[in-house]
Amino acid sequence: MKINWTILILVLVLATGCSTTPPPQAPNIPNDVAAILEWETEGRVGIRTQDDALSGNFYWHKTPNAFELNIVGPFGQGATTLSGDDHSVTLKTDDRSVTGNDAETLLFNELGWHFPIRQVNYWIRGLAHPTSPADIVYRADGKLIEKLVQDGWTVTYRDYTQLEHLSLPQRMQVERAPYRVNLIITQWAVK
């Protein structure tokens, strides 16, 4: 029996390489929801104002110093991006780009929407904003928030999902008449 030495050596090298390759590392997930410093979420969003109703998909990437929120309408139409850091914020639509100092002010000036961006950074994680009073109703487990009323807004948590040991919102509604935002989060990644 004749052995092709090149093939045998290649197989041995590959087998040795596979056996010494370390397993992939699990992402560094914080011990507590409040300790999350960075996240990415994806899902569906429905926005209702007194004059309009919009729906689409969203992608939100938040780091300690910056954020980017993309909302794309059905069939890829009507893309809107809100991005920024501690010093400036930019709102881009299909045909326009505007920069300002504050996301809430920019949204109101350009779209006519009042929306509490600072608070939503906490609400999306299932937390009350730490600098203002909140009325909180907990679920039967006494740990997860069912309903939160803060700064004139009502946040209702319909479902949570598990990301390893963390419970994170999966379906939530944020409203203050005439505004209502429904989020269905299909994917979470946290650091």
N, C-alpha and C. Protein backbone atom coordinates (compact mmCIF):
# COMPACT_ATOMS: atom_id res chain seq x y z
N MET A 1 0.85 -1.18 0.00
CA MET A 1 0.00 0.00 0.00
C MET A 1 0.90 1.24 0.00
N LYS A 2 0.63 2.12 -0.95
CA LYS A 2 1.43 3.32 -1.10
C LYS A 2 0.72 4.49 -0.40
N ILE A 3 1.44 5.23 0.44
CA ILE A 3 0.87 6.35 1.18
C ILE A 3 1.39 7.64 0.57
N ASN A 4 0.48 8.56 0.38
CA ASN A 4 0.88 9.88 -0.09
C ASN A 4 1.31 10.68 1.13
N TRP A 5 2.64 10.86 1.29
CA TRP A 5 3.19 11.49 2.48
C TRP A 5 2.75 12.94 2.63
N THR A 6 2.53 13.63 1.56
CA THR A 6 2.09 15.03 1.65
C THR A 6 0.72 15.13 2.30
N ILE A 7 -0.20 14.26 1.89
CA ILE A 7 -1.55 14.27 2.47
C ILE A 7 -1.50 13.89 3.94
N LEU A 8 -0.69 12.88 4.29
CA LEU A 8 -0.58 12.44 5.68
C LEU A 8 -0.02 13.56 6.55
N ILE A 9 1.00 14.25 6.10
CA ILE A 9 1.59 15.35 6.87
C ILE A 9 0.58 16.48 7.04
N LEU A 10 -0.16 16.81 5.97
CA LEU A 10 -1.17 17.86 6.03
C LEU A 10 -2.26 17.50 7.05
N VAL A 11 -2.72 16.27 7.06
CA VAL A 11 -3.75 15.83 8.00
C VAL A 11 -3.23 15.93 9.43
N LEU A 12 -1.99 15.51 9.67
CA LEU A 12 -1.42 15.58 11.01
C LEU A 12 -1.26 17.03 11.48
N VAL A 13 -0.83 17.92 10.59
CA VAL A 13 -0.69 19.33 10.95
C VAL A 13 -2.04 19.93 11.29
N LEU A 14 -3.06 19.66 10.46
CA LEU A 14 -4.39 20.18 10.73
C LEU A 14 -4.96 19.63 12.03
N ALA A 15 -4.78 18.35 12.28
CA ALA A 15 -5.28 17.74 13.51
C ALA A 15 -4.60 18.34 14.73
N THR A 16 -3.29 18.56 14.64
CA THR A 16 -2.55 19.14 15.75
C THR A 16 -3.00 20.58 15.97
N GLY A 17 -3.19 21.33 14.90
CA GLY A 17 -3.64 22.72 15.01
C GLY A 17 -5.01 22.80 15.64
N CYS A 18 -5.92 21.89 15.30
CA CYS A 18 -7.26 21.90 15.86
C CYS A 18 -7.23 21.57 17.34
N SER A 19 -6.34 20.68 17.74
CA SER A 19 -6.35 20.26 19.14
C SER A 19 -5.74 21.30 20.06
N THR A 20 -4.95 22.23 19.54
CA THR A 20 -4.34 23.24 20.40
C THR A 20 -5.03 24.59 20.30
N THR A 21 -6.05 24.72 19.47
CA THR A 21 -6.78 25.98 19.35
C THR A 21 -7.65 26.15 20.58
N PRO A 22 -7.49 27.28 21.31
CA PRO A 22 -8.31 27.47 22.51
C PRO A 22 -9.77 27.67 22.15
N PRO A 23 -10.68 27.28 23.04
CA PRO A 23 -12.10 27.48 22.76
C PRO A 23 -12.43 28.97 22.77
N PRO A 24 -13.46 29.38 22.03
CA PRO A 24 -13.81 30.80 22.01
C PRO A 24 -14.22 31.26 23.41
N GLN A 25 -13.88 32.50 23.73
CA GLN A 25 -14.21 33.06 25.03
C GLN A 25 -15.65 33.57 25.02
N ALA A 26 -16.35 33.35 26.13
CA ALA A 26 -17.70 33.88 26.28
C ALA A 26 -17.60 35.40 26.44
N PRO A 27 -18.59 36.14 25.93
CA PRO A 27 -18.54 37.60 26.09
C PRO A 27 -18.56 37.97 27.57
N ASN A 28 -17.96 39.09 27.88
CA ASN A 28 -17.90 39.56 29.25
C ASN A 28 -19.22 40.23 29.61
N ILE A 29 -20.13 39.47 30.20
CA ILE A 29 -21.45 39.98 30.55
C ILE A 29 -21.43 40.46 31.99
N PRO A 30 -21.89 41.70 32.24
CA PRO A 30 -21.91 42.21 33.61
C PRO A 30 -22.78 41.35 34.54
N ASN A 31 -22.52 41.49 35.84
CA ASN A 31 -23.29 40.73 36.83
C ASN A 31 -24.68 41.28 37.06
N ASP A 32 -24.89 42.54 36.71
CA ASP A 32 -26.14 43.22 37.01
C ASP A 32 -26.53 44.11 35.82
N VAL A 33 -27.82 44.28 35.60
CA VAL A 33 -28.30 45.11 34.49
C VAL A 33 -27.78 46.54 34.62
N ALA A 34 -27.72 47.06 35.85
CA ALA A 34 -27.25 48.43 36.05
C ALA A 34 -25.78 48.60 35.68
N ALA A 35 -25.02 47.51 35.63
CA ALA A 35 -23.59 47.58 35.31
C ALA A 35 -23.32 47.51 33.81
N ILE A 36 -24.35 47.37 33.00
CA ILE A 36 -24.16 47.33 31.55
C ILE A 36 -23.67 48.70 31.07
N LEU A 37 -22.51 48.73 30.45
CA LEU A 37 -21.94 49.98 29.94
C LEU A 37 -22.11 50.13 28.44
N GLU A 38 -22.28 49.01 27.75
CA GLU A 38 -22.40 49.04 26.30
C GLU A 38 -23.41 47.99 25.89
N TRP A 39 -24.23 48.34 24.89
CA TRP A 39 -25.17 47.35 24.39
C TRP A 39 -25.47 47.57 22.93
N GLU A 40 -25.97 46.51 22.32
CA GLU A 40 -26.54 46.56 20.97
C GLU A 40 -27.88 45.86 21.06
N THR A 41 -28.89 46.49 20.52
CA THR A 41 -30.21 45.87 20.45
C THR A 41 -30.71 45.99 19.02
N GLU A 42 -31.53 45.03 18.66
CA GLU A 42 -32.22 45.04 17.37
C GLU A 42 -33.65 44.66 17.62
N GLY A 43 -34.52 45.10 16.73
CA GLY A 43 -35.91 44.69 16.86
C GLY A 43 -36.82 45.51 15.98
N ARG A 44 -38.07 45.55 16.40
CA ARG A 44 -39.09 46.29 15.67
C ARG A 44 -39.61 47.43 16.54
N VAL A 45 -39.98 48.51 15.88
CA VAL A 45 -40.47 49.68 16.60
C VAL A 45 -41.74 50.20 15.92
N GLY A 46 -42.66 50.63 16.73
CA GLY A 46 -43.86 51.32 16.26
C GLY A 46 -43.94 52.65 16.99
N ILE A 47 -44.08 53.74 16.26
CA ILE A 47 -44.10 55.07 16.86
C ILE A 47 -45.41 55.75 16.44
N ARG A 48 -46.14 56.24 17.43
CA ARG A 48 -47.39 56.96 17.15
C ARG A 48 -47.29 58.34 17.79
N THR A 49 -47.59 59.36 16.99
CA THR A 49 -47.66 60.73 17.48
C THR A 49 -49.06 61.23 17.19
N GLN A 50 -49.33 62.49 17.53
CA GLN A 50 -50.68 63.01 17.26
C GLN A 50 -50.95 63.11 15.76
N ASP A 51 -49.90 63.22 14.94
CA ASP A 51 -50.09 63.41 13.51
C ASP A 51 -49.64 62.24 12.65
N ASP A 52 -48.99 61.25 13.24
CA ASP A 52 -48.34 60.25 12.41
C ASP A 52 -48.26 58.90 13.11
N ALA A 53 -48.09 57.86 12.33
CA ALA A 53 -47.82 56.52 12.86
C ALA A 53 -46.77 55.89 11.95
N LEU A 54 -45.68 55.44 12.55
CA LEU A 54 -44.57 54.87 11.81
C LEU A 54 -44.24 53.51 12.39
N SER A 55 -43.71 52.64 11.55
CA SER A 55 -43.21 51.37 12.06
C SER A 55 -41.99 50.97 11.24
N GLY A 56 -41.19 50.12 11.82
CA GLY A 56 -39.99 49.68 11.12
C GLY A 56 -39.12 48.84 12.01
N ASN A 57 -37.90 48.68 11.59
CA ASN A 57 -36.91 47.94 12.35
C ASN A 57 -35.91 48.93 12.94
N PHE A 58 -35.33 48.56 14.09
CA PHE A 58 -34.34 49.44 14.68
C PHE A 58 -33.09 48.66 15.05
N TYR A 59 -32.00 49.40 15.11
CA TYR A 59 -30.72 48.89 15.60
C TYR A 59 -30.15 50.00 16.48
N TRP A 60 -29.79 49.68 17.72
CA TRP A 60 -29.29 50.68 18.65
C TRP A 60 -27.98 50.18 19.24
N HIS A 61 -26.92 50.95 19.05
CA HIS A 61 -25.62 50.65 19.65
C HIS A 61 -25.28 51.78 20.60
N LYS A 62 -25.07 51.44 21.86
CA LYS A 62 -24.77 52.44 22.89
C LYS A 62 -23.48 52.07 23.57
N THR A 63 -22.54 53.02 23.64
CA THR A 63 -21.30 52.86 24.40
C THR A 63 -21.34 53.89 25.52
N PRO A 64 -20.38 53.88 26.45
CA PRO A 64 -20.40 54.88 27.52
C PRO A 64 -20.33 56.33 27.00
N ASN A 65 -19.73 56.53 25.82
CA ASN A 65 -19.53 57.91 25.34
C ASN A 65 -20.28 58.26 24.07
N ALA A 66 -20.93 57.29 23.43
CA ALA A 66 -21.59 57.59 22.15
C ALA A 66 -22.76 56.64 21.93
N PHE A 67 -23.58 56.98 20.94
CA PHE A 67 -24.70 56.11 20.58
C PHE A 67 -25.01 56.26 19.10
N GLU A 68 -25.67 55.24 18.56
CA GLU A 68 -26.21 55.30 17.21
C GLU A 68 -27.50 54.52 17.20
N LEU A 69 -28.57 55.16 16.79
CA LEU A 69 -29.88 54.53 16.68
C LEU A 69 -30.35 54.65 15.24
N ASN A 70 -30.56 53.50 14.60
CA ASN A 70 -31.04 53.48 13.22
C ASN A 70 -32.44 52.91 13.20
N ILE A 71 -33.33 53.60 12.50
CA ILE A 71 -34.69 53.11 12.29
C ILE A 71 -34.94 53.08 10.79
N VAL A 72 -35.35 51.92 10.29
CA VAL A 72 -35.60 51.74 8.87
C VAL A 72 -37.04 51.29 8.70
N GLY A 73 -37.76 51.98 7.83
CA GLY A 73 -39.16 51.66 7.60
C GLY A 73 -39.33 50.36 6.84
N PRO A 74 -40.59 49.96 6.64
CA PRO A 74 -40.87 48.72 5.92
C PRO A 74 -40.20 48.72 4.54
N PHE A 75 -39.70 47.57 4.16
CA PHE A 75 -39.06 47.37 2.86
C PHE A 75 -37.85 48.27 2.65
N GLY A 76 -37.19 48.65 3.77
CA GLY A 76 -35.96 49.43 3.68
C GLY A 76 -36.15 50.90 3.36
N GLN A 77 -37.38 51.38 3.43
CA GLN A 77 -37.63 52.78 3.09
C GLN A 77 -37.72 53.62 4.35
N GLY A 78 -37.42 54.90 4.21
CA GLY A 78 -37.58 55.83 5.31
C GLY A 78 -36.53 55.67 6.40
N ALA A 79 -35.27 55.56 6.04
CA ALA A 79 -34.21 55.37 7.03
C ALA A 79 -33.95 56.66 7.80
N THR A 80 -33.83 56.53 9.13
CA THR A 80 -33.50 57.64 10.02
C THR A 80 -32.41 57.18 10.96
N THR A 81 -31.38 58.01 11.14
CA THR A 81 -30.30 57.70 12.07
C THR A 81 -30.13 58.86 13.03
N LEU A 82 -30.09 58.55 14.31
CA LEU A 82 -29.79 59.52 15.35
C LEU A 82 -28.51 59.03 16.01
N SER A 83 -27.46 59.83 15.97
CA SER A 83 -26.18 59.40 16.53
C SER A 83 -25.50 60.58 17.20
N GLY A 84 -24.61 60.26 18.13
CA GLY A 84 -23.91 61.35 18.78
C GLY A 84 -23.08 60.90 19.97
N ASP A 85 -22.61 61.92 20.68
CA ASP A 85 -21.82 61.71 21.88
C ASP A 85 -22.20 62.81 22.88
N ASP A 86 -21.33 63.06 23.85
CA ASP A 86 -21.63 64.06 24.88
C ASP A 86 -21.62 65.49 24.35
N HIS A 87 -21.09 65.71 23.14
CA HIS A 87 -20.91 67.07 22.65
C HIS A 87 -21.81 67.44 21.47
N SER A 88 -22.18 66.47 20.65
CA SER A 88 -23.05 66.80 19.52
C SER A 88 -23.87 65.58 19.10
N VAL A 89 -24.97 65.87 18.45
CA VAL A 89 -25.90 64.84 17.99
C VAL A 89 -26.27 65.16 16.55
N THR A 90 -26.38 64.10 15.73
CA THR A 90 -26.75 64.27 14.33
C THR A 90 -27.98 63.43 14.03
N LEU A 91 -28.93 64.04 13.35
CA LEU A 91 -30.13 63.36 12.88
C LEU A 91 -30.06 63.32 11.36
N LYS A 92 -30.05 62.09 10.80
CA LYS A 92 -30.00 61.94 9.34
C LYS A 92 -31.26 61.23 8.89
N THR A 93 -31.85 61.77 7.83
CA THR A 93 -32.96 61.11 7.16
C THR A 93 -32.52 60.87 5.72
N ASP A 94 -33.43 60.34 4.92
CA ASP A 94 -33.08 60.02 3.53
C ASP A 94 -32.52 61.23 2.77
N ASP A 95 -33.02 62.42 3.09
CA ASP A 95 -32.64 63.58 2.29
C ASP A 95 -32.02 64.72 3.09
N ARG A 96 -31.70 64.48 4.36
CA ARG A 96 -31.26 65.60 5.19
C ARG A 96 -30.38 65.14 6.34
N SER A 97 -29.49 66.02 6.78
CA SER A 97 -28.64 65.77 7.95
C SER A 97 -28.56 67.06 8.76
N VAL A 98 -28.91 66.97 10.06
CA VAL A 98 -28.91 68.14 10.93
C VAL A 98 -28.15 67.80 12.20
N THR A 99 -27.34 68.73 12.68
CA THR A 99 -26.55 68.50 13.90
C THR A 99 -26.96 69.50 14.96
N GLY A 100 -26.96 69.05 16.21
CA GLY A 100 -27.29 69.91 17.34
C GLY A 100 -26.54 69.45 18.58
N ASN A 101 -26.89 70.05 19.72
CA ASN A 101 -26.20 69.74 20.97
C ASN A 101 -26.93 68.72 21.83
N ASP A 102 -28.24 68.53 21.59
CA ASP A 102 -29.05 67.70 22.47
C ASP A 102 -30.04 66.88 21.64
N ALA A 103 -30.09 65.57 21.88
CA ALA A 103 -30.94 64.69 21.07
C ALA A 103 -32.42 65.02 21.22
N GLU A 104 -32.87 65.29 22.43
CA GLU A 104 -34.29 65.58 22.64
C GLU A 104 -34.71 66.85 21.92
N THR A 105 -33.89 67.88 22.02
CA THR A 105 -34.19 69.15 21.35
C THR A 105 -34.16 68.98 19.83
N LEU A 106 -33.18 68.25 19.34
CA LEU A 106 -33.06 68.02 17.90
C LEU A 106 -34.28 67.26 17.36
N LEU A 107 -34.71 66.22 18.07
CA LEU A 107 -35.91 65.48 17.64
C LEU A 107 -37.14 66.38 17.61
N PHE A 108 -37.28 67.22 18.62
CA PHE A 108 -38.45 68.11 18.65
C PHE A 108 -38.38 69.14 17.54
N ASN A 109 -37.22 69.76 17.36
CA ASN A 109 -37.09 70.81 16.33
C ASN A 109 -37.27 70.27 14.92
N GLU A 110 -36.79 69.06 14.67
CA GLU A 110 -36.82 68.52 13.30
C GLU A 110 -38.05 67.67 13.00
N LEU A 111 -38.54 66.92 14.00
CA LEU A 111 -39.67 66.01 13.76
C LEU A 111 -40.92 66.38 14.53
N GLY A 112 -40.80 67.31 15.48
CA GLY A 112 -41.95 67.69 16.29
C GLY A 112 -42.26 66.69 17.39
N TRP A 113 -41.31 65.81 17.73
CA TRP A 113 -41.53 64.78 18.74
C TRP A 113 -40.86 65.15 20.05
N HIS A 114 -41.59 64.99 21.13
CA HIS A 114 -40.99 65.03 22.46
C HIS A 114 -40.68 63.59 22.82
N PHE A 115 -39.42 63.28 23.10
CA PHE A 115 -39.07 61.92 23.50
C PHE A 115 -37.89 61.96 24.46
N PRO A 116 -38.01 61.31 25.63
CA PRO A 116 -37.00 61.41 26.69
C PRO A 116 -35.79 60.50 26.47
N ILE A 117 -34.88 60.91 25.62
CA ILE A 117 -33.74 60.09 25.24
C ILE A 117 -32.89 59.69 26.45
N ARG A 118 -32.61 60.63 27.36
CA ARG A 118 -31.77 60.30 28.53
C ARG A 118 -32.41 59.19 29.37
N GLN A 119 -33.70 59.29 29.61
CA GLN A 119 -34.39 58.28 30.41
C GLN A 119 -34.46 56.94 29.70
N VAL A 120 -34.66 56.96 28.40
CA VAL A 120 -34.79 55.71 27.64
C VAL A 120 -33.51 54.89 27.73
N ASN A 121 -32.37 55.53 27.91
CA ASN A 121 -31.12 54.78 28.11
C ASN A 121 -31.20 53.86 29.32
N TYR A 122 -32.00 54.21 30.30
CA TYR A 122 -32.21 53.36 31.48
C TYR A 122 -33.42 52.45 31.28
N TRP A 123 -34.51 53.03 30.78
CA TRP A 123 -35.75 52.26 30.63
C TRP A 123 -35.56 51.03 29.76
N ILE A 124 -34.75 51.14 28.71
CA ILE A 124 -34.57 50.00 27.82
C ILE A 124 -33.90 48.83 28.52
N ARG A 125 -33.20 49.10 29.61
CA ARG A 125 -32.56 48.04 30.39
C ARG A 125 -33.45 47.57 31.55
N GLY A 126 -34.65 48.16 31.67
CA GLY A 126 -35.55 47.78 32.75
C GLY A 126 -35.23 48.49 34.05
N LEU A 127 -34.71 49.71 33.96
CA LEU A 127 -34.32 50.50 35.13
C LEU A 127 -34.99 51.87 35.11
N ALA A 128 -35.22 52.44 36.28
CA ALA A 128 -35.66 53.82 36.37
C ALA A 128 -34.44 54.73 36.21
N HIS A 129 -34.65 55.92 35.64
CA HIS A 129 -33.56 56.90 35.55
C HIS A 129 -33.21 57.32 36.97
N PRO A 130 -31.93 57.37 37.31
CA PRO A 130 -31.54 57.59 38.71
C PRO A 130 -31.73 59.00 39.26
N THR A 131 -31.97 60.00 38.43
CA THR A 131 -31.98 61.37 38.94
C THR A 131 -33.37 61.97 39.13
N SER A 132 -34.43 61.19 38.91
CA SER A 132 -35.77 61.73 39.16
C SER A 132 -36.65 60.66 39.80
N PRO A 133 -37.65 61.10 40.58
CA PRO A 133 -38.51 60.13 41.26
C PRO A 133 -39.31 59.31 40.26
N ALA A 134 -39.63 58.07 40.67
CA ALA A 134 -40.40 57.18 39.80
C ALA A 134 -41.37 56.37 40.64
N ASP A 135 -42.55 56.14 40.10
CA ASP A 135 -43.50 55.20 40.69
C ASP A 135 -43.30 53.88 39.97
N ILE A 136 -43.01 52.83 40.73
CA ILE A 136 -42.68 51.54 40.13
C ILE A 136 -43.62 50.46 40.65
N VAL A 137 -44.15 49.68 39.73
CA VAL A 137 -44.92 48.48 40.06
C VAL A 137 -44.11 47.30 39.59
N TYR A 138 -43.82 46.38 40.52
CA TYR A 138 -43.02 45.21 40.18
C TYR A 138 -43.90 44.02 39.83
N ARG A 139 -43.36 43.12 39.06
CA ARG A 139 -44.02 41.85 38.75
C ARG A 139 -44.11 41.01 40.03
N ALA A 140 -44.79 39.90 39.94
CA ALA A 140 -44.98 39.03 41.10
C ALA A 140 -43.67 38.59 41.72
N ASP A 141 -42.59 38.50 40.93
CA ASP A 141 -41.29 38.07 41.47
C ASP A 141 -40.65 39.14 42.36
N GLY A 142 -41.16 40.37 42.32
CA GLY A 142 -40.63 41.45 43.15
C GLY A 142 -39.31 42.03 42.67
N LYS A 143 -38.81 41.56 41.54
CA LYS A 143 -37.52 42.02 41.03
C LYS A 143 -37.64 42.80 39.73
N LEU A 144 -38.44 42.29 38.81
CA LEU A 144 -38.57 42.90 37.48
C LEU A 144 -39.71 43.91 37.48
N ILE A 145 -39.47 45.03 36.80
CA ILE A 145 -40.48 46.09 36.72
C ILE A 145 -41.57 45.69 35.73
N GLU A 146 -42.81 45.89 36.15
CA GLU A 146 -43.95 45.70 35.25
C GLU A 146 -44.38 47.03 34.66
N LYS A 147 -44.38 48.08 35.52
CA LYS A 147 -44.80 49.40 35.07
C LYS A 147 -44.00 50.45 35.82
N LEU A 148 -43.60 51.48 35.09
CA LEU A 148 -42.78 52.55 35.62
C LEU A 148 -43.37 53.87 35.14
N VAL A 149 -43.60 54.79 36.06
CA VAL A 149 -44.07 56.12 35.70
C VAL A 149 -43.00 57.09 36.17
N GLN A 150 -42.42 57.83 35.21
CA GLN A 150 -41.32 58.74 35.53
C GLN A 150 -41.32 59.92 34.57
N ASP A 151 -41.16 61.10 35.11
CA ASP A 151 -41.07 62.32 34.31
C ASP A 151 -42.25 62.47 33.35
N GLY A 152 -43.44 62.04 33.79
CA GLY A 152 -44.65 62.17 32.98
C GLY A 152 -44.84 61.07 31.94
N TRP A 153 -43.94 60.11 31.87
CA TRP A 153 -44.01 59.01 30.91
C TRP A 153 -44.36 57.72 31.63
N THR A 154 -45.11 56.86 30.96
CA THR A 154 -45.45 55.54 31.50
C THR A 154 -44.74 54.49 30.64
N VAL A 155 -43.98 53.63 31.31
CA VAL A 155 -43.27 52.56 30.63
C VAL A 155 -43.88 51.25 31.13
N THR A 156 -44.38 50.45 30.20
CA THR A 156 -44.97 49.17 30.53
C THR A 156 -44.11 48.07 29.93
N TYR A 157 -43.66 47.15 30.78
CA TYR A 157 -42.83 46.03 30.34
C TYR A 157 -43.72 44.81 30.18
N ARG A 158 -43.88 44.36 28.94
CA ARG A 158 -44.77 43.24 28.64
C ARG A 158 -44.06 41.88 28.74
N ASP A 159 -42.79 41.84 28.35
CA ASP A 159 -42.01 40.60 28.40
C ASP A 159 -40.55 40.91 28.65
N TYR A 160 -39.88 39.93 29.25
CA TYR A 160 -38.43 39.99 29.43
C TYR A 160 -37.81 38.77 28.75
N THR A 161 -36.54 38.88 28.45
CA THR A 161 -35.79 37.76 27.89
C THR A 161 -34.56 37.53 28.75
N GLN A 162 -34.02 36.34 28.72
CA GLN A 162 -32.82 36.02 29.48
C GLN A 162 -31.60 36.09 28.57
N LEU A 163 -30.59 36.79 29.02
CA LEU A 163 -29.28 36.80 28.38
C LEU A 163 -28.32 36.31 29.46
N GLU A 164 -28.04 35.01 29.41
CA GLU A 164 -27.32 34.32 30.48
C GLU A 164 -28.06 34.58 31.79
N HIS A 165 -27.45 35.27 32.75
CA HIS A 165 -28.04 35.48 34.07
C HIS A 165 -28.84 36.79 34.17
N LEU A 166 -28.91 37.58 33.10
CA LEU A 166 -29.61 38.87 33.12
C LEU A 166 -31.00 38.76 32.52
N SER A 167 -31.96 39.44 33.14
CA SER A 167 -33.29 39.58 32.57
C SER A 167 -33.37 40.97 31.95
N LEU A 168 -33.60 41.01 30.64
CA LEU A 168 -33.65 42.28 29.91
C LEU A 168 -34.99 42.40 29.20
N PRO A 169 -35.50 43.64 29.06
CA PRO A 169 -36.79 43.82 28.39
C PRO A 169 -36.77 43.27 26.96
N GLN A 170 -37.88 42.65 26.61
CA GLN A 170 -38.06 42.15 25.25
C GLN A 170 -39.20 42.88 24.55
N ARG A 171 -40.28 43.14 25.27
CA ARG A 171 -41.40 43.92 24.71
C ARG A 171 -41.75 45.00 25.72
N MET A 172 -41.79 46.24 25.25
CA MET A 172 -42.11 47.35 26.13
C MET A 172 -42.82 48.47 25.37
N GLN A 173 -43.54 49.29 26.14
CA GLN A 173 -44.25 50.43 25.58
C GLN A 173 -43.91 51.66 26.42
N VAL A 174 -43.58 52.75 25.73
CA VAL A 174 -43.27 54.02 26.38
C VAL A 174 -44.30 55.02 25.87
N GLU A 175 -45.05 55.65 26.80
CA GLU A 175 -46.08 56.57 26.30
C GLU A 175 -46.33 57.74 27.23
N ARG A 176 -46.67 58.83 26.59
CA ARG A 176 -47.21 60.03 27.19
C ARG A 176 -47.99 60.70 26.08
N ALA A 177 -49.28 60.84 26.28
CA ALA A 177 -50.13 61.36 25.21
C ALA A 177 -49.56 62.66 24.65
N PRO A 178 -49.50 62.79 23.35
CA PRO A 178 -50.01 61.93 22.29
C PRO A 178 -48.97 60.96 21.73
N TYR A 179 -47.88 60.71 22.46
CA TYR A 179 -46.78 59.88 21.95
C TYR A 179 -46.86 58.47 22.52
N ARG A 180 -46.59 57.48 21.66
CA ARG A 180 -46.51 56.10 22.12
C ARG A 180 -45.49 55.36 21.25
N VAL A 181 -44.55 54.70 21.92
CA VAL A 181 -43.52 53.93 21.23
C VAL A 181 -43.58 52.49 21.73
N ASN A 182 -43.75 51.55 20.82
CA ASN A 182 -43.73 50.13 21.14
C ASN A 182 -42.43 49.54 20.62
N LEU A 183 -41.73 48.82 21.48
CA LEU A 183 -40.48 48.16 21.09
C LEU A 183 -40.62 46.66 21.29
N ILE A 184 -40.20 45.91 20.30
CA ILE A 184 -40.04 44.46 20.42
C ILE A 184 -38.57 44.20 20.12
N ILE A 185 -37.83 43.83 21.16
CA ILE A 185 -36.39 43.62 21.03
C ILE A 185 -36.14 42.16 20.71
N THR A 186 -35.57 41.91 19.56
CA THR A 186 -35.33 40.54 19.12
C THR A 186 -33.92 40.05 19.43
N GLN A 187 -33.00 41.00 19.71
CA GLN A 187 -31.63 40.60 20.01
C GLN A 187 -30.97 41.60 20.94
N TRP A 188 -30.28 41.06 21.94
CA TRP A 188 -29.49 41.85 22.89
C TRP A 188 -28.04 41.37 22.84
N ALA A 189 -27.11 42.31 22.92
CA ALA A 189 -25.70 42.01 23.17
C ALA A 189 -25.23 43.07 24.15
N VAL A 190 -24.58 42.66 25.24
CA VAL A 190 -24.19 43.62 26.28
C VAL A 190 -22.74 43.42 26.68
N LYS A 191 -22.16 44.49 27.22
CA LYS A 191 -20.80 44.44 27.79
C LYS A 191 -20.80 45.21 29.09
